[in-house]
Protein backbone atom coordinates (compact mmCIF):
# COMPACT_ATOMS: atom_id res chain seq x y z
CA MET A 1 7.19 7.18 21.40
CA ILE A 2 6.39 4.07 19.76
CA THR A 3 3.08 2.13 20.49
CA LYS A 4 3.19 -1.76 20.45
CA PRO A 5 0.90 -2.50 17.61
CA LYS A 6 -2.48 -4.02 19.30
CA ILE A 7 -2.84 -6.26 15.77
CA GLY A 8 -1.71 -9.66 14.81
CA LEU A 9 1.02 -9.52 12.75
CA SER A 10 3.19 -6.13 13.17
CA GLN A 11 5.84 -6.96 10.92
CA GLY A 12 6.04 -7.82 6.83
CA ARG A 13 8.48 -6.73 4.04
CA VAL A 14 8.10 -5.11 0.89
CA VAL A 15 7.17 -7.58 -1.85
CA ALA A 16 7.67 -5.07 -4.87
CA VAL A 17 7.40 -1.14 -5.70
CA SER A 18 5.75 -0.26 -8.59
CA ILE A 19 5.18 3.19 -10.58
CA SER A 20 3.21 4.36 -13.33
CA ALA A 21 3.54 7.73 -15.16
CA THR A 22 -0.48 7.64 -15.91
CA THR A 23 -3.41 6.25 -13.81
CA GLY A 24 -5.87 3.74 -14.63
CA VAL A 25 -2.66 1.38 -15.86
CA LYS A 26 -0.94 -1.85 -14.07
CA LYS A 27 2.02 -0.11 -12.66
CA ALA A 28 5.30 -1.60 -13.49
CA ASN A 29 7.80 -2.85 -11.01
CA VAL A 30 11.05 -1.08 -10.21
CA SER A 31 13.94 -2.56 -8.45
CA GLN A 32 13.91 0.62 -6.25
CA ALA A 33 12.02 4.07 -5.98
CA MET A 34 12.33 7.50 -3.81
CA VAL A 35 9.84 8.26 -1.73
CA LEU A 36 9.68 11.70 -1.31
CA GLU A 37 7.68 13.28 1.84
CA ASN A 38 4.08 14.56 1.71
CA HIS A 39 4.40 13.85 -2.06
CA GLY A 40 4.50 9.77 -2.56
CA LEU A 41 6.92 7.79 -5.23
CA GLU A 42 8.66 10.04 -7.68
CA GLY A 43 7.65 9.46 -10.86
CA ASP A 44 4.22 8.04 -10.32
CA ALA A 45 0.88 9.58 -11.02
CA HIS A 46 -1.26 9.37 -7.91
CA ALA A 47 1.63 11.06 -6.30
CA GLY A 48 0.82 14.65 -5.52
CA ASP A 49 -0.46 16.29 -2.25
CA TRP A 50 -3.15 14.72 -1.00
CA HIS A 51 -4.32 12.06 1.26
CA ARG A 52 -3.90 9.00 -1.29
CA GLN A 53 0.13 9.43 -2.09
CA VAL A 54 0.81 6.21 -1.43
CA SER A 55 -1.34 2.65 -2.03
CA LEU A 56 -0.45 -0.65 -0.21
CA LEU A 57 -1.97 -4.18 -1.59
CA ALA A 58 -0.67 -7.76 0.56
CA ILE A 59 0.40 -10.20 -1.98
CA GLU A 60 -1.54 -12.36 0.32
CA SER A 61 -4.84 -10.69 -1.53
CA ILE A 62 -3.59 -10.92 -5.08
CA GLU A 63 -3.60 -14.72 -4.23
CA LYS A 64 -6.82 -14.58 -3.64
CA MET A 65 -7.30 -13.62 -7.31
CA ARG A 66 -4.50 -16.00 -8.44
CA ARG A 67 -6.85 -18.69 -7.23
CA GLN A 68 -9.80 -17.61 -9.17
CA GLY A 69 -7.84 -18.53 -12.40
CA LEU A 70 -6.36 -15.42 -13.00
CA ASP A 71 -2.44 -14.35 -14.21
CA LEU A 72 -1.84 -11.22 -11.33
CA HIS A 73 1.39 -10.06 -10.43
CA PRO A 74 2.68 -7.01 -8.11
CA GLY A 75 1.28 -4.10 -9.71
CA ASP A 76 -1.94 -5.21 -11.56
CA PHE A 77 -4.07 -3.80 -8.99
CA ALA A 78 -2.00 -0.32 -9.36
CA GLU A 79 -0.77 -0.20 -6.00
CA ASN A 80 2.59 1.81 -5.14
CA ILE A 81 3.86 -1.05 -2.31
CA THR A 82 3.10 -4.67 -2.52
CA THR A 83 3.62 -6.52 0.98
CA GLN A 84 4.00 -9.24 2.77
CA GLY A 85 3.60 -11.00 6.33
CA LEU A 86 1.34 -7.82 7.37
CA ASP A 87 -2.60 -7.51 8.05
CA ILE A 88 -2.97 -4.70 5.64
CA PRO A 89 -6.49 -4.75 5.40
CA HIS A 90 -7.10 -4.46 9.38
CA LEU A 91 -4.22 -1.46 9.49
CA PRO A 92 -6.69 1.44 11.24
CA VAL A 93 -6.86 4.71 9.82
CA GLY A 94 -3.84 6.62 11.61
CA THR A 95 -1.35 3.43 12.05
CA ARG A 96 2.43 4.20 11.11
CA LEU A 97 4.88 2.02 9.13
CA ARG A 98 8.15 2.22 8.81
CA LEU A 99 9.36 0.89 5.26
CA GLY A 100 13.18 0.21 5.23
CA HIS A 101 15.21 2.34 7.75
CA ARG A 102 13.57 5.83 6.92
CA VAL A 103 10.64 6.08 5.27
CA GLU A 104 7.14 6.50 7.49
CA GLN A 105 3.81 6.18 6.00
CA GLU A 106 0.03 6.77 7.91
CA VAL A 107 -2.82 4.98 6.77
CA THR A 108 -5.45 7.24 5.83
CA GLN A 109 -7.76 5.11 4.16
CA ILE A 110 -8.68 1.89 3.64
CA GLY A 111 -10.08 0.87 0.13
CA LYS A 112 -11.67 2.78 -2.37
CA ALA A 113 -14.45 2.25 -4.51
CA CYS A 114 -13.30 0.05 -7.80
CA HIS A 115 -13.20 2.44 -10.91
CA HIS A 116 -15.88 2.24 -13.71
CA GLY A 117 -13.98 -0.41 -16.38
CA CYS A 118 -11.44 -2.45 -14.18
CA ALA A 119 -10.27 -4.89 -15.96
CA ILE A 120 -9.62 -7.33 -12.89
CA LYS A 121 -13.52 -7.32 -11.85
CA GLN A 122 -14.40 -7.45 -15.29
CA ALA A 123 -12.91 -11.01 -15.77
CA VAL A 124 -13.77 -12.42 -12.59
CA GLY A 125 -16.64 -9.87 -11.09
CA ASP A 126 -14.25 -9.10 -7.95
CA CYS A 127 -11.68 -6.91 -6.90
CA VAL A 128 -9.76 -7.17 -4.11
CA MET A 129 -8.19 -3.82 -3.75
CA PRO A 130 -11.67 -1.65 -3.23
CA ARG A 131 -12.26 -4.20 0.09
CA GLU A 132 -8.06 -4.80 0.93
CA GLY A 133 -6.09 -2.16 -0.72
CA ILE A 134 -4.77 0.74 1.89
CA PHE A 135 -3.72 4.53 1.14
CA ALA A 136 -1.42 6.05 2.87
CA ARG A 137 0.18 9.64 3.33
CA VAL A 138 4.76 10.03 3.35
CA LEU A 139 5.44 11.43 6.84
CA ARG A 140 9.33 10.95 6.42
CA GLY A 141 10.79 10.29 2.95
CA GLY A 142 13.93 7.99 1.43
CA THR A 143 14.47 4.93 -0.74
CA VAL A 144 12.06 1.63 -0.97
CA ARG A 145 12.94 -1.52 -2.29
CA PRO A 146 11.74 -4.71 -2.54
CA HIS A 147 13.12 -6.87 0.40
CA ASP A 148 12.81 -4.11 2.81
CA PRO A 149 11.17 -4.70 5.97
CA ILE A 150 7.98 -3.36 7.31
CA GLU A 151 7.32 -2.39 10.50
CA VAL A 152 4.25 -1.12 12.38
CA ILE A 153 5.53 1.46 14.70
CA HIS A 154 2.33 2.70 16.06
CA VAL A 155 -1.33 2.23 15.97
CA PRO A 156 -4.30 4.93 17.01
CA SER A 157 -5.66 4.16 20.09
CA GLY A 158 -8.58 6.06 19.47
CA PRO A 159 -9.90 9.09 17.74
CA SER A 160 -7.73 11.91 19.83
CA ASP A 161 -4.64 9.75 17.97
CA LEU A 162 -5.77 10.74 14.68
CA GLN A 163 -4.29 13.74 13.25
């Protein structure tokens, strides 16, 4: 059953898909990626059997940092999926997203501690990923590409909704 979202914007799009073979580095943009159920993006160092299989960050958050004078692009914050049009930082844990026509993910974590030595934070004294990035686990795999639609398909109504 699809529950109507209770938040402002419930649809957006994928701006970029990014992967890296090692952790702690910017991710490279790719034309598409296979998203594996309960694993993450094929070939990405952060994929695996844990709760942060895929990371998402809005282009609107990247643009905040650009206004501070930095030349930043999708993947520079080590996010897998750069989005546009969704209120990413305000999606509650347990929210389910559909990317493209098949991939489904569930939000598992909002933000994270900025790792020591973050180049962005050193350059401007701030980094949006810890506050505005989100993490998800893959419920249903498939292929994801730039320009794919993203839809909020379920927003939890309370603690009993969370699995």
